[in-house]
């Protein structure tokens, strides 16, 4: 049965899951665990969504390098599979693989655990929003330290630990313009990370997207709104930067994509003309860029004014910038990024 002291520690750990300062919260979580459970060393690890490697978020008695090296070896053992499938975090004292070989008699204990002076340990899988996001491991020099009550206590706090360990930020519909029909992806370091509960944004597969993304990130701006054809249909697309320090995926860009019709009944060519007009290009410059006759561009502008109800070219371009009625080329992005 859990003591009042252990219940209080579990409550404090639950509250830490909502702290915005993840590194500080992770370190404090291990201190709370040390007050509630026997431990001489502990590590809290997150799974990098790009590389799949385990990354230490906080440690007691484990250096970052040692913890990550041990994790990379441990995941290849049969005892890791026990961690994944058992309801309670398994302990060194009781764990055995499918052949009946006890953890204490295995190579990992003999070569990695026992030489460090540890005689018992317990490992829990961290799952958040249906995804495996990390591991927590406690070690102690005492034998048979992690009984069923201790393992139950650790199991009770793993949801809070998982919330801290999850490297993919919680993406709220309200803050990021997500609707039931929106697709979304996080893009960082050339990798695309799926957003839980959302289809992957189709624009990330467009051959122009890498240049568009580089142009956006190079501006240091906050948001870019545009219209883009994806799979033969038009979509409203938003590129939104996560502010440094807001999440551990620093520099990540959230791409949100929602199916739409071209507003005001604009044609794709009219949208292109409107975008170039919004950059300040004259009809002559637009004609040269699009290999059109100046008179054709003039006609497109007349149609634009009539369809949008704008009284002038300046009003039409202001509307385009305000509402994101744009399909910019990478070299035009800087003009339309919101700071």
C-alpha atoms as a PDB file:
ATOM      1  CA  UNK A   1       0.000   0.000   0.000  1.00  0.00           C
ATOM      2  CA  UNK A   2       1.278   3.464  -0.892  1.00  0.00           C
ATOM      3  CA  UNK A   3       2.278   5.758   1.947  1.00  0.00           C
ATOM      4  CA  UNK A   4       1.015   9.312   2.326  1.00  0.00           C
ATOM      5  CA  UNK A   5       4.531  10.478   1.449  1.00  0.00           C
ATOM      6  CA  UNK A   6       4.532   8.490  -1.794  1.00  0.00           C
ATOM      7  CA  UNK A   7       1.075   9.712  -2.786  1.00  0.00           C
ATOM      8  CA  UNK A   8       2.180  13.311  -2.233  1.00  0.00           C
ATOM      9  CA  UNK A   9       5.276  12.733  -4.391  1.00  0.00           C
ATOM     10  CA  UNK A  10       3.113  11.259  -7.160  1.00  0.00           C
ATOM     11  CA  UNK A  11       0.835  14.320  -7.033  1.00  0.00           C
ATOM     12  CA  UNK A  12       3.800  16.682  -7.300  1.00  0.00           C
ATOM     13  CA  UNK A  13       5.138  14.717 -10.271  1.00  0.00           C
ATOM     14  CA  UNK A  14       1.743  15.049 -11.951  1.00  0.00           C
ATOM     15  CA  UNK A  15       1.857  18.806 -11.529  1.00  0.00           C
ATOM     16  CA  UNK A  16       5.363  18.966 -13.002  1.00  0.00           C
ATOM     17  CA  UNK A  17       4.050  17.517 -16.265  1.00  0.00           C
ATOM     18  CA  UNK A  18       2.534  20.945 -17.023  1.00  0.00           C
ATOM     19  CA  UNK A  19       5.697  22.952 -16.400  1.00  0.00           C
ATOM     20  CA  UNK A  20       6.897  24.848 -19.511  1.00  0.00           C
ATOM     21  CA  UNK A  21      10.555  24.570 -18.457  1.00  0.00           C
ATOM     22  CA  UNK A  22      11.071  20.922 -19.445  1.00  0.00           C
ATOM     23  CA  UNK A  23      14.715  20.470 -18.331  1.00  0.00           C
ATOM     24  CA  UNK A  24      14.016  21.847 -14.846  1.00  0.00           C
ATOM     25  CA  UNK A  25      10.815  19.809 -14.525  1.00  0.00           C
ATOM     26  CA  UNK A  26      12.581  16.592 -15.562  1.00  0.00           C
ATOM     27  CA  UNK A  27      15.322  17.101 -12.972  1.00  0.00           C
ATOM     28  CA  UNK A  28      12.734  17.811 -10.285  1.00  0.00           C
ATOM     29  CA  UNK A  29      10.795  14.668 -11.236  1.00  0.00           C
ATOM     30  CA  UNK A  30      13.828  12.516 -10.465  1.00  0.00           C
ATOM     31  CA  UNK A  31      14.261  14.271  -7.134  1.00  0.00           C
ATOM     32  CA  UNK A  32      10.629  13.494  -6.294  1.00  0.00           C
ATOM     33  CA  UNK A  33      11.119   9.851  -7.287  1.00  0.00           C
ATOM     34  CA  UNK A  34      14.163   9.685  -5.014  1.00  0.00           C
ATOM     35  CA  UNK A  35      11.957  10.837  -2.123  1.00  0.00           C
ATOM     36  CA  UNK A  36       9.317   8.206  -2.858  1.00  0.00           C
ATOM     37  CA  UNK A  37      11.332   5.180  -4.029  1.00  0.00           C
ATOM     38  CA  UNK A  38      14.757   3.698  -3.317  1.00  0.00           C
ATOM     39  CA  UNK A  39      17.257   4.812  -5.932  1.00  0.00           C
ATOM     40  CA  UNK A  40      20.955   5.500  -6.175  1.00  0.00           C
ATOM     41  CA  UNK A  41      20.790   6.340  -9.891  1.00  0.00           C
ATOM     42  CA  UNK A  42      18.043   7.196 -12.353  1.00  0.00           C
ATOM     43  CA  UNK A  43      17.605   8.347 -15.916  1.00  0.00           C
ATOM     44  CA  UNK A  44      14.693   9.858 -17.834  1.00  0.00           C
ATOM     45  CA  UNK A  45      15.012   9.363 -21.589  1.00  0.00           C
ATOM     46  CA  UNK A  46      13.140  10.690 -24.604  1.00  0.00           C
ATOM     47  CA  UNK A  47      13.086   9.124 -28.069  1.00  0.00           C
ATOM     48  CA  UNK A  48      14.303  11.538 -30.727  1.00  0.00           C
ATOM     49  CA  UNK A  49      11.545  11.552 -33.404  1.00  0.00           C
ATOM     50  CA  UNK A  50      14.089  12.139 -36.185  1.00  0.00           C
ATOM     51  CA  UNK A  51      16.822   9.612 -35.342  1.00  0.00           C
ATOM     52  CA  UNK A  52      14.934   7.178 -33.111  1.00  0.00           C
ATOM     53  CA  UNK A  53      17.763   7.366 -30.563  1.00  0.00           C
ATOM     54  CA  UNK A  54      17.217   7.725 -26.811  1.00  0.00           C
ATOM     55  CA  UNK A  55      18.235  11.111 -25.408  1.00  0.00           C
ATOM     56  CA  UNK A  56      18.688  11.693 -21.681  1.00  0.00           C
ATOM     57  CA  UNK A  57      16.554  14.524 -20.342  1.00  0.00           C
ATOM     58  CA  UNK A  58      17.681  14.211 -16.723  1.00  0.00           C
ATOM     59  CA  UNK A  59      19.884  11.850 -14.773  1.00  0.00           C
ATOM     60  CA  UNK A  60      21.028  11.020 -11.263  1.00  0.00           C
ATOM     61  CA  UNK A  61      24.259   9.042 -11.148  1.00  0.00           C
ATOM     62  CA  UNK A  62      24.223   8.596 -14.928  1.00  0.00           C
ATOM     63  CA  UNK A  63      26.137  10.803 -17.332  1.00  0.00           C
ATOM     64  CA  UNK A  64      24.335  11.649 -20.538  1.00  0.00           C
ATOM     65  CA  UNK A  65      26.745   9.583 -22.620  1.00  0.00           C
ATOM     66  CA  UNK A  66      26.546   6.532 -20.355  1.00  0.00           C
ATOM     67  CA  UNK A  67      22.753   6.648 -20.132  1.00  0.00           C
ATOM     68  CA  UNK A  68      22.290   6.922 -23.883  1.00  0.00           C
ATOM     69  CA  UNK A  69      24.836   4.180 -24.620  1.00  0.00           C
ATOM     70  CA  UNK A  70      23.159   1.831 -22.155  1.00  0.00           C
ATOM     71  CA  UNK A  71      19.749   2.565 -23.680  1.00  0.00           C
ATOM     72  CA  UNK A  72      20.997   1.820 -27.205  1.00  0.00           C
ATOM     73  CA  UNK A  73      22.204  -1.600 -25.987  1.00  0.00           C
ATOM     74  CA  UNK A  74      19.226  -2.352 -23.763  1.00  0.00           C
ATOM     75  CA  UNK A  75      16.664  -1.917 -26.572  1.00  0.00           C
ATOM     76  CA  UNK A  76      18.271  -4.856 -28.367  1.00  0.00           C
ATOM     77  CA  UNK A  77      17.790  -7.250 -25.451  1.00  0.00           C
ATOM     78  CA  UNK A  78      14.776  -9.497 -24.733  1.00  0.00           C
ATOM     79  CA  UNK A  79      14.274  -7.665 -21.444  1.00  0.00           C
ATOM     80  CA  UNK A  80      13.402  -4.493 -23.339  1.00  0.00           C
ATOM     81  CA  UNK A  81      10.512  -6.380 -24.936  1.00  0.00           C
ATOM     82  CA  UNK A  82       9.280  -7.216 -21.425  1.00  0.00           C
ATOM     83  CA  UNK A  83       9.280  -3.512 -20.584  1.00  0.00           C
ATOM     84  CA  UNK A  84       7.155  -2.856 -23.659  1.00  0.00           C
ATOM     85  CA  UNK A  85       4.520  -5.485 -22.992  1.00  0.00           C
ATOM     86  CA  UNK A  86       4.169  -5.718 -19.204  1.00  0.00           C
ATOM     87  CA  UNK A  87       1.546  -3.655 -17.420  1.00  0.00           C
ATOM     88  CA  UNK A  88       3.820  -2.956 -14.447  1.00  0.00           C
ATOM     89  CA  UNK A  89       7.414  -1.812 -15.012  1.00  0.00           C
ATOM     90  CA  UNK A  90       9.524  -4.982 -14.585  1.00  0.00           C
ATOM     91  CA  UNK A  91      12.340  -5.131 -12.042  1.00  0.00           C
ATOM     92  CA  UNK A  92      15.751  -6.767 -12.197  1.00  0.00           C
ATOM     93  CA  UNK A  93      14.791  -8.950  -9.226  1.00  0.00           C
ATOM     94  CA  UNK A  94      11.799 -10.562 -10.936  1.00  0.00           C
ATOM     95  CA  UNK A  95      12.235 -10.186 -14.705  1.00  0.00           C
ATOM     96  CA  UNK A  96      12.913 -13.135 -17.019  1.00  0.00           C
ATOM     97  CA  UNK A  97      12.902 -13.529 -20.804  1.00  0.00           C
ATOM     98  CA  UNK A  98      10.706 -15.950 -22.781  1.00  0.00           C
ATOM     99  CA  UNK A  99      13.169 -18.802 -22.269  1.00  0.00           C
ATOM    100  CA  UNK A 100      13.005 -18.343 -18.508  1.00  0.00           C
ATOM    101  CA  UNK A 101      16.448 -16.750 -18.197  1.00  0.00           C
ATOM    102  CA  UNK A 102      16.311 -14.256 -15.370  1.00  0.00           C
ATOM    103  CA  UNK A 103      17.653 -10.757 -15.939  1.00  0.00           C
ATOM    104  CA  UNK A 104      20.144 -11.309 -13.118  1.00  0.00           C
ATOM    105  CA  UNK A 105      21.651 -14.212 -15.072  1.00  0.00           C
ATOM    106  CA  UNK A 106      21.836 -12.378 -18.398  1.00  0.00           C
ATOM    107  CA  UNK A 107      24.787 -10.650 -20.035  1.00  0.00           C
ATOM    108  CA  UNK A 108      23.389  -7.137 -19.649  1.00  0.00           C
ATOM    109  CA  UNK A 109      23.242  -7.452 -15.878  1.00  0.00           C
ATOM    110  CA  UNK A 110      26.626  -9.166 -15.676  1.00  0.00           C
ATOM    111  CA  UNK A 111      28.452  -6.739 -17.965  1.00  0.00           C
ATOM    112  CA  UNK A 112      26.626  -3.446 -17.502  1.00  0.00           C
ATOM    113  CA  UNK A 113      24.615  -3.349 -14.277  1.00  0.00           C
ATOM    114  CA  UNK A 114      26.441  -5.367 -11.647  1.00  0.00           C
ATOM    115  CA  UNK A 115      29.897  -3.797 -12.302  1.00  0.00           C
ATOM    116  CA  UNK A 116      28.346  -0.391 -11.517  1.00  0.00           C
ATOM    117  CA  UNK A 117      27.340  -1.696  -8.091  1.00  0.00           C
ATOM    118  CA  UNK A 118      23.598  -1.940  -8.711  1.00  0.00           C
ATOM    119  CA  UNK A 119      21.689  -4.994  -7.500  1.00  0.00           C
ATOM    120  CA  UNK A 120      18.169  -3.994  -8.419  1.00  0.00           C
ATOM    121  CA  UNK A 121      16.504  -1.743 -10.954  1.00  0.00           C
ATOM    122  CA  UNK A 122      13.163  -1.042 -12.581  1.00  0.00           C
ATOM    123  CA  UNK A 123      12.364   0.246 -16.073  1.00  0.00           C
ATOM    124  CA  UNK A 124       9.146   1.798 -17.344  1.00  0.00           C
ATOM    125  CA  UNK A 125       7.993   2.519 -20.894  1.00  0.00           C
ATOM    126  CA  UNK A 126       6.689   6.054 -21.439  1.00  0.00           C
ATOM    127  CA  UNK A 127       3.708   6.387 -23.771  1.00  0.00           C
ATOM    128  CA  UNK A 128       1.957   9.620 -24.621  1.00  0.00           C
ATOM    129  CA  UNK A 129      -1.112  10.031 -26.844  1.00  0.00           C
ATOM    130  CA  UNK A 130      -0.719   6.414 -27.962  1.00  0.00           C
ATOM    131  CA  UNK A 131       2.969   6.700 -28.910  1.00  0.00           C
ATOM    132  CA  UNK A 132       6.123   5.341 -27.274  1.00  0.00           C
ATOM    133  CA  UNK A 133       8.124   8.463 -26.372  1.00  0.00           C
ATOM    134  CA  UNK A 134      10.808   7.334 -23.909  1.00  0.00           C
ATOM    135  CA  UNK A 135      11.963   5.303 -20.907  1.00  0.00           C
ATOM    136  CA  UNK A 136      12.510   5.826 -17.198  1.00  0.00           C
ATOM    137  CA  UNK A 137      14.955   3.653 -15.270  1.00  0.00           C
ATOM    138  CA  UNK A 138      15.771   3.558 -11.550  1.00  0.00           C
ATOM    139  CA  UNK A 139      18.715   1.645 -10.047  1.00  0.00           C
ATOM    140  CA  UNK A 140      19.745   0.921  -6.484  1.00  0.00           C
ATOM    141  CA  UNK A 141      22.530  -0.845  -4.658  1.00  0.00           C
ATOM    142  CA  UNK A 142      19.946  -2.685  -2.544  1.00  0.00           C
ATOM    143  CA  UNK A 143      18.764  -6.129  -3.605  1.00  0.00           C
ATOM    144  CA  UNK A 144      15.033  -6.789  -4.057  1.00  0.00           C
ATOM    145  CA  UNK A 145      14.189  -3.113  -3.546  1.00  0.00           C
ATOM    146  CA  UNK A 146      11.409  -2.788  -6.101  1.00  0.00           C
ATOM    147  CA  UNK A 147       8.455  -4.790  -4.909  1.00  0.00           C
ATOM    148  CA  UNK A 148       4.980  -4.721  -6.443  1.00  0.00           C
ATOM    149  CA  UNK A 149       3.970  -1.566  -4.557  1.00  0.00           C
ATOM    150  CA  UNK A 150       7.064   0.264  -5.788  1.00  0.00           C
ATOM    151  CA  UNK A 151       6.410  -0.824  -9.353  1.00  0.00           C
ATOM    152  CA  UNK A 152       2.782   0.281  -9.087  1.00  0.00           C
ATOM    153  CA  UNK A 153       3.842   3.693  -7.888  1.00  0.00           C
ATOM    154  CA  UNK A 154       6.195   4.080 -10.834  1.00  0.00           C
ATOM    155  CA  UNK A 155       3.425   2.930 -13.191  1.00  0.00           C
ATOM    156  CA  UNK A 156       1.120   5.599 -11.724  1.00  0.00           C
ATOM    157  CA  UNK A 157       3.510   8.432 -12.581  1.00  0.00           C
ATOM    158  CA  UNK A 158       4.636   7.225 -16.021  1.00  0.00           C
ATOM    159  CA  UNK A 159       1.841   9.209 -17.803  1.00  0.00           C
ATOM    160  CA  UNK A 160       3.242  12.428 -16.293  1.00  0.00           C
ATOM    161  CA  UNK A 161       6.798  11.398 -17.175  1.00  0.00           C
ATOM    162  CA  UNK A 162       5.670  10.605 -20.716  1.00  0.00           C
ATOM    163  CA  UNK A 163       4.115  14.063 -21.110  1.00  0.00           C
ATOM    164  CA  UNK A 164       7.480  15.580 -20.203  1.00  0.00           C
ATOM    165  CA  UNK A 165       9.461  13.177 -22.379  1.00  0.00           C
ATOM    166  CA  UNK A 166       7.334  13.607 -25.507  1.00  0.00           C
ATOM    167  CA  UNK A 167       9.479  15.612 -27.957  1.00  0.00           C
ATOM    168  CA  UNK A 168       6.552  16.401 -30.240  1.00  0.00           C
ATOM    169  CA  UNK A 169       4.869  19.524 -28.869  1.00  0.00           C
ATOM    170  CA  UNK A 170       1.198  19.511 -28.013  1.00  0.00           C
ATOM    171  CA  UNK A 171      -0.449  21.250 -30.935  1.00  0.00           C
ATOM    172  CA  UNK A 172      -3.762  22.865 -30.085  1.00  0.00           C
ATOM    173  CA  UNK A 173      -6.420  23.303 -32.733  1.00  0.00           C
ATOM    174  CA  UNK A 174      -7.340  26.784 -31.534  1.00  0.00           C
ATOM    175  CA  UNK A 175      -3.813  28.196 -31.557  1.00  0.00           C
ATOM    176  CA  UNK A 176      -2.762  26.757 -34.898  1.00  0.00           C
ATOM    177  CA  UNK A 177      -5.823  27.020 -37.121  1.00  0.00           C
ATOM    178  CA  UNK A 178      -6.468  23.281 -37.265  1.00  0.00           C
ATOM    179  CA  UNK A 179      -9.948  22.196 -38.339  1.00  0.00           C
ATOM    180  CA  UNK A 180     -11.389  18.675 -38.637  1.00  0.00           C
ATOM    181  CA  UNK A 181     -10.221  18.575 -42.270  1.00  0.00           C
ATOM    182  CA  UNK A 182      -6.715  19.929 -41.725  1.00  0.00           C
ATOM    183  CA  UNK A 183      -3.544  17.942 -42.275  1.00  0.00           C
ATOM    184  CA  UNK A 184      -0.399  18.908 -40.357  1.00  0.00           C
ATOM    185  CA  UNK A 185       3.291  18.091 -40.086  1.00  0.00           C
ATOM    186  CA  UNK A 186       6.289  19.298 -38.130  1.00  0.00           C
ATOM    187  CA  UNK A 187       9.395  19.846 -40.220  1.00  0.00           C
ATOM    188  CA  UNK A 188      12.854  20.127 -38.665  1.00  0.00           C
ATOM    189  CA  UNK A 189      16.404  19.433 -39.823  1.00  0.00           C
ATOM    190  CA  UNK A 190      15.125  18.125 -43.145  1.00  0.00           C
ATOM    191  CA  UNK A 191      12.890  15.558 -41.434  1.00  0.00           C
ATOM    192  CA  UNK A 192       9.090  15.426 -41.428  1.00  0.00           C
ATOM    193  CA  UNK A 193       7.478  14.469 -38.112  1.00  0.00           C
ATOM    194  CA  UNK A 194       3.856  13.383 -38.043  1.00  0.00           C
ATOM    195  CA  UNK A 195       1.476  15.255 -35.764  1.00  0.00           C
ATOM    196  CA  UNK A 196      -0.617  12.866 -33.626  1.00  0.00           C
ATOM    197  CA  UNK A 197      -4.144  12.532 -34.954  1.00  0.00           C
ATOM    198  CA  UNK A 198      -3.443  14.334 -38.237  1.00  0.00           C
ATOM    199  CA  UNK A 199      -2.723  13.273 -41.802  1.00  0.00           C
ATOM    200  CA  UNK A 200       0.676  14.326 -43.116  1.00  0.00           C
ATOM    201  CA  UNK A 201       0.585  17.624 -45.017  1.00  0.00           C
ATOM    202  CA  UNK A 202       0.780  16.916 -48.739  1.00  0.00           C
ATOM    203  CA  UNK A 203       2.779  20.046 -49.564  1.00  0.00           C
ATOM    204  CA  UNK A 204       5.857  18.552 -47.878  1.00  0.00           C
ATOM    205  CA  UNK A 205       6.104  16.179 -50.846  1.00  0.00           C
ATOM    206  CA  UNK A 206       6.093  19.045 -53.375  1.00  0.00           C
ATOM    207  CA  UNK A 207       9.499  19.407 -55.042  1.00  0.00           C
ATOM    208  CA  UNK A 208       9.420  23.177 -54.420  1.00  0.00           C
ATOM    209  CA  UNK A 209       8.682  22.806 -50.695  1.00  0.00           C
ATOM    210  CA  UNK A 210      12.315  22.515 -49.471  1.00  0.00           C
ATOM    211  CA  UNK A 211      13.157  25.847 -51.145  1.00  0.00           C
ATOM    212  CA  UNK A 212       9.978  27.407 -49.799  1.00  0.00           C
ATOM    213  CA  UNK A 213      10.806  26.195 -46.282  1.00  0.00           C
ATOM    214  CA  UNK A 214      14.396  27.457 -46.458  1.00  0.00           C
ATOM    215  CA  UNK A 215      13.166  30.849 -47.638  1.00  0.00           C
ATOM    216  CA  UNK A 216      10.691  31.027 -44.759  1.00  0.00           C
ATOM    217  CA  UNK A 217      13.113  29.953 -42.022  1.00  0.00           C
ATOM    218  CA  UNK A 218      15.765  32.280 -43.437  1.00  0.00           C
ATOM    219  CA  UNK A 219      13.572  35.298 -42.779  1.00  0.00           C
ATOM    220  CA  UNK A 220      13.320  34.617 -39.037  1.00  0.00           C
ATOM    221  CA  UNK A 221       9.613  35.401 -39.355  1.00  0.00           C
ATOM    222  CA  UNK A 222       6.726  33.901 -37.405  1.00  0.00           C
ATOM    223  CA  UNK A 223       4.158  32.838 -39.992  1.00  0.00           C
ATOM    224  CA  UNK A 224       3.530  32.552 -43.729  1.00  0.00           C
ATOM    225  CA  UNK A 225       0.063  32.009 -45.222  1.00  0.00           C
ATOM    226  CA  UNK A 226      -0.420  30.971 -48.824  1.00  0.00           C
ATOM    227  CA  UNK A 227      -2.529  29.009 -51.290  1.00  0.00           C
ATOM    228  CA  UNK A 228      -1.016  25.924 -52.912  1.00  0.00           C
ATOM    229  CA  UNK A 229      -2.145  23.130 -55.253  1.00  0.00           C
ATOM    230  CA  UNK A 230      -1.731  19.708 -53.625  1.00  0.00           C
ATOM    231  CA  UNK A 231      -2.726  16.566 -55.467  1.00  0.00           C
ATOM    232  CA  UNK A 232      -4.668  18.537 -58.042  1.00  0.00           C
ATOM    233  CA  UNK A 233      -6.712  20.475 -55.473  1.00  0.00           C
ATOM    234  CA  UNK A 234      -6.114  23.831 -53.826  1.00  0.00           C
ATOM    235  CA  UNK A 235      -5.276  24.148 -50.142  1.00  0.00           C
ATOM    236  CA  UNK A 236      -4.761  26.922 -47.644  1.00  0.00           C
ATOM    237  CA  UNK A 237      -1.303  26.352 -46.195  1.00  0.00           C
ATOM    238  CA  UNK A 238       0.283  27.942 -43.142  1.00  0.00           C
ATOM    239  CA  UNK A 239       3.945  27.670 -42.170  1.00  0.00           C
ATOM    240  CA  UNK A 240       4.364  28.596 -38.528  1.00  0.00           C
ATOM    241  CA  UNK A 241       7.624  28.705 -36.614  1.00  0.00           C
ATOM    242  CA  UNK A 242       7.883  27.490 -33.032  1.00  0.00           C
ATOM    243  CA  UNK A 243       9.612  30.101 -30.937  1.00  0.00           C
ATOM    244  CA  UNK A 244      13.073  29.127 -29.569  1.00  0.00           C
ATOM    245  CA  UNK A 245      12.760  27.563 -26.151  1.00  0.00           C
ATOM    246  CA  UNK A 246       9.029  26.890 -26.441  1.00  0.00           C
ATOM    247  CA  UNK A 247       9.665  23.223 -27.209  1.00  0.00           C
ATOM    248  CA  UNK A 248      12.644  20.934 -27.441  1.00  0.00           C
ATOM    249  CA  UNK A 249      12.174  20.791 -31.212  1.00  0.00           C
ATOM    250  CA  UNK A 250      13.725  24.243 -31.481  1.00  0.00           C
ATOM    251  CA  UNK A 251      13.506  25.617 -35.002  1.00  0.00           C
ATOM    252  CA  UNK A 252      10.684  23.273 -36.034  1.00  0.00           C
ATOM    253  CA  UNK A 253       8.085  24.586 -38.456  1.00  0.00           C
ATOM    254  CA  UNK A 254       4.452  23.521 -38.211  1.00  0.00           C
ATOM    255  CA  UNK A 255       2.836  23.089 -41.618  1.00  0.00           C
ATOM    256  CA  UNK A 256      -0.977  23.151 -41.604  1.00  0.00           C
ATOM    257  CA  UNK A 257      -2.932  22.378 -44.765  1.00  0.00           C
ATOM    258  CA  UNK A 258      -6.686  22.680 -45.335  1.00  0.00           C
ATOM    259  CA  UNK A 259      -8.594  21.964 -48.580  1.00  0.00           C
ATOM    260  CA  UNK A 260     -10.230  25.023 -50.133  1.00  0.00           C
ATOM    261  CA  UNK A 261     -11.542  26.514 -53.338  1.00  0.00           C
ATOM    262  CA  UNK A 262      -9.669  29.495 -54.738  1.00  0.00           C
ATOM    263  CA  UNK A 263     -11.310  32.512 -53.056  1.00  0.00           C
ATOM    264  CA  UNK A 264     -13.454  34.972 -55.031  1.00  0.00           C
ATOM    265  CA  UNK A 265     -13.519  32.562 -57.959  1.00  0.00           C
ATOM    266  CA  UNK A 266      -9.952  33.466 -58.893  1.00  0.00           C
ATOM    267  CA  UNK A 267      -8.192  31.391 -61.527  1.00  0.00           C
ATOM    268  CA  UNK A 268      -4.698  29.996 -60.862  1.00  0.00           C
ATOM    269  CA  UNK A 269      -3.242  32.536 -63.318  1.00  0.00           C
ATOM    270  CA  UNK A 270      -5.067  35.406 -61.626  1.00  0.00           C
ATOM    271  CA  UNK A 271      -3.684  34.268 -58.286  1.00  0.00           C
ATOM    272  CA  UNK A 272      -0.179  34.314 -59.764  1.00  0.00           C
ATOM    273  CA  UNK A 273      -0.679  37.800 -61.160  1.00  0.00           C
ATOM    274  CA  UNK A 274      -2.089  39.002 -57.831  1.00  0.00           C
ATOM    275  CA  UNK A 275       0.904  37.574 -55.949  1.00  0.00           C
ATOM    276  CA  UNK A 276       3.371  39.334 -58.222  1.00  0.00           C
ATOM    277  CA  UNK A 277       1.398  42.569 -58.026  1.00  0.00           C
ATOM    278  CA  UNK A 278       1.598  42.293 -54.220  1.00  0.00           C
ATOM    279  CA  UNK A 279       5.400  42.257 -54.490  1.00  0.00           C
ATOM    280  CA  UNK A 280       5.216  45.643 -56.226  1.00  0.00           C
ATOM    281  CA  UNK A 281       5.832  44.445 -59.777  1.00  0.00           C
ATOM    282  CA  UNK A 282       4.379  46.537 -62.595  1.00  0.00           C
ATOM    283  CA  UNK A 283       2.179  45.037 -65.301  1.00  0.00           C
ATOM    284  CA  UNK A 284       5.165  45.171 -67.648  1.00  0.00           C
ATOM    285  CA  UNK A 285       7.377  43.248 -65.189  1.00  0.00           C
ATOM    286  CA  UNK A 286       4.637  40.679 -64.565  1.00  0.00           C
ATOM    287  CA  UNK A 287       4.166  40.219 -68.304  1.00  0.00           C
ATOM    288  CA  UNK A 288       7.891  39.577 -68.790  1.00  0.00           C
ATOM    289  CA  UNK A 289       8.078  37.157 -65.870  1.00  0.00           C
ATOM    290  CA  UNK A 290       5.054  35.139 -66.988  1.00  0.00           C
ATOM    291  CA  UNK A 291       5.731  35.409 -70.738  1.00  0.00           C
ATOM    292  CA  UNK A 292       2.429  37.198 -71.305  1.00  0.00           C
ATOM    293  CA  UNK A 293       1.427  40.244 -73.307  1.00  0.00           C
ATOM    294  CA  UNK A 294       1.069  43.403 -71.161  1.00  0.00           C
ATOM    295  CA  UNK A 295      -2.525  43.690 -72.352  1.00  0.00           C
ATOM    296  CA  UNK A 296      -3.249  40.165 -71.013  1.00  0.00           C
ATOM    297  CA  UNK A 297      -1.890  41.131 -67.599  1.00  0.00           C
ATOM    298  CA  UNK A 298      -4.019  44.270 -67.657  1.00  0.00           C
ATOM    299  CA  UNK A 299      -7.086  42.111 -68.367  1.00  0.00           C
ATOM    300  CA  UNK A 300      -6.203  39.786 -65.473  1.00  0.00           C
ATOM    301  CA  UNK A 301      -5.966  42.800 -63.165  1.00  0.00           C
ATOM    302  CA  UNK A 302      -9.374  44.044 -64.299  1.00  0.00           C
ATOM    303  CA  UNK A 303     -10.847  40.619 -63.536  1.00  0.00           C
ATOM    304  CA  UNK A 304      -9.131  40.623 -60.120  1.00  0.00           C
ATOM    305  CA  UNK A 305     -10.644  43.958 -59.172  1.00  0.00           C
ATOM    306  CA  UNK A 306     -14.105  42.898 -60.248  1.00  0.00           C
ATOM    307  CA  UNK A 307     -13.990  39.518 -58.471  1.00  0.00           C
ATOM    308  CA  UNK A 308     -12.573  40.805 -55.190  1.00  0.00           C
ATOM    309  CA  UNK A 309     -14.633  43.983 -55.176  1.00  0.00           C
ATOM    310  CA  UNK A 310     -11.471  46.031 -54.704  1.00  0.00           C
ATOM    311  CA  UNK A 311     -11.571  49.644 -55.883  1.00  0.00           C
ATOM    312  CA  UNK A 312      -7.914  49.756 -56.887  1.00  0.00           C
ATOM    313  CA  UNK A 313      -4.798  47.673 -57.479  1.00  0.00           C
ATOM    314  CA  UNK A 314      -3.449  48.768 -54.089  1.00  0.00           C
ATOM    315  CA  UNK A 315      -6.617  47.632 -52.337  1.00  0.00           C
ATOM    316  CA  UNK A 316      -6.531  44.258 -54.107  1.00  0.00           C
ATOM    317  CA  UNK A 317      -2.905  43.618 -53.147  1.00  0.00           C
ATOM    318  CA  UNK A 318      -3.572  44.702 -49.558  1.00  0.00           C
ATOM    319  CA  UNK A 319      -6.431  42.187 -49.453  1.00  0.00           C
ATOM    320  CA  UNK A 320      -4.134  39.478 -50.790  1.00  0.00           C
ATOM    321  CA  UNK A 321      -1.504  40.095 -48.111  1.00  0.00           C
ATOM    322  CA  UNK A 322      -4.074  40.436 -45.335  1.00  0.00           C
ATOM    323  CA  UNK A 323      -5.895  37.181 -46.168  1.00  0.00           C
ATOM    324  CA  UNK A 324      -2.990  35.122 -47.479  1.00  0.00           C
ATOM    325  CA  UNK A 325      -4.317  35.038 -51.062  1.00  0.00           C
ATOM    326  CA  UNK A 326      -0.831  34.326 -52.367  1.00  0.00           C
ATOM    327  CA  UNK A 327       1.195  31.697 -54.150  1.00  0.00           C
ATOM    328  CA  UNK A 328       4.733  33.039 -53.755  1.00  0.00           C
ATOM    329  CA  UNK A 329       7.880  31.657 -55.302  1.00  0.00           C
ATOM    330  CA  UNK A 330      10.717  31.049 -52.814  1.00  0.00           C
ATOM    331  CA  UNK A 331      12.391  34.343 -53.764  1.00  0.00           C
ATOM    332  CA  UNK A 332       9.155  36.215 -52.967  1.00  0.00           C
ATOM    333  CA  UNK A 333       8.523  34.684 -49.535  1.00  0.00           C
ATOM    334  CA  UNK A 334      10.349  37.361 -47.530  1.00  0.00           C
ATOM    335  CA  UNK A 335       7.824  39.986 -48.640  1.00  0.00           C
ATOM    336  CA  UNK A 336       4.881  38.115 -47.126  1.00  0.00           C
ATOM    337  CA  UNK A 337       6.196  36.634 -43.882  1.00  0.00           C
ATOM    338  CA  UNK A 338       4.475  37.852 -40.743  1.00  0.00           C
ATOM    339  CA  UNK A 339       6.949  38.980 -38.074  1.00  0.00           C
END
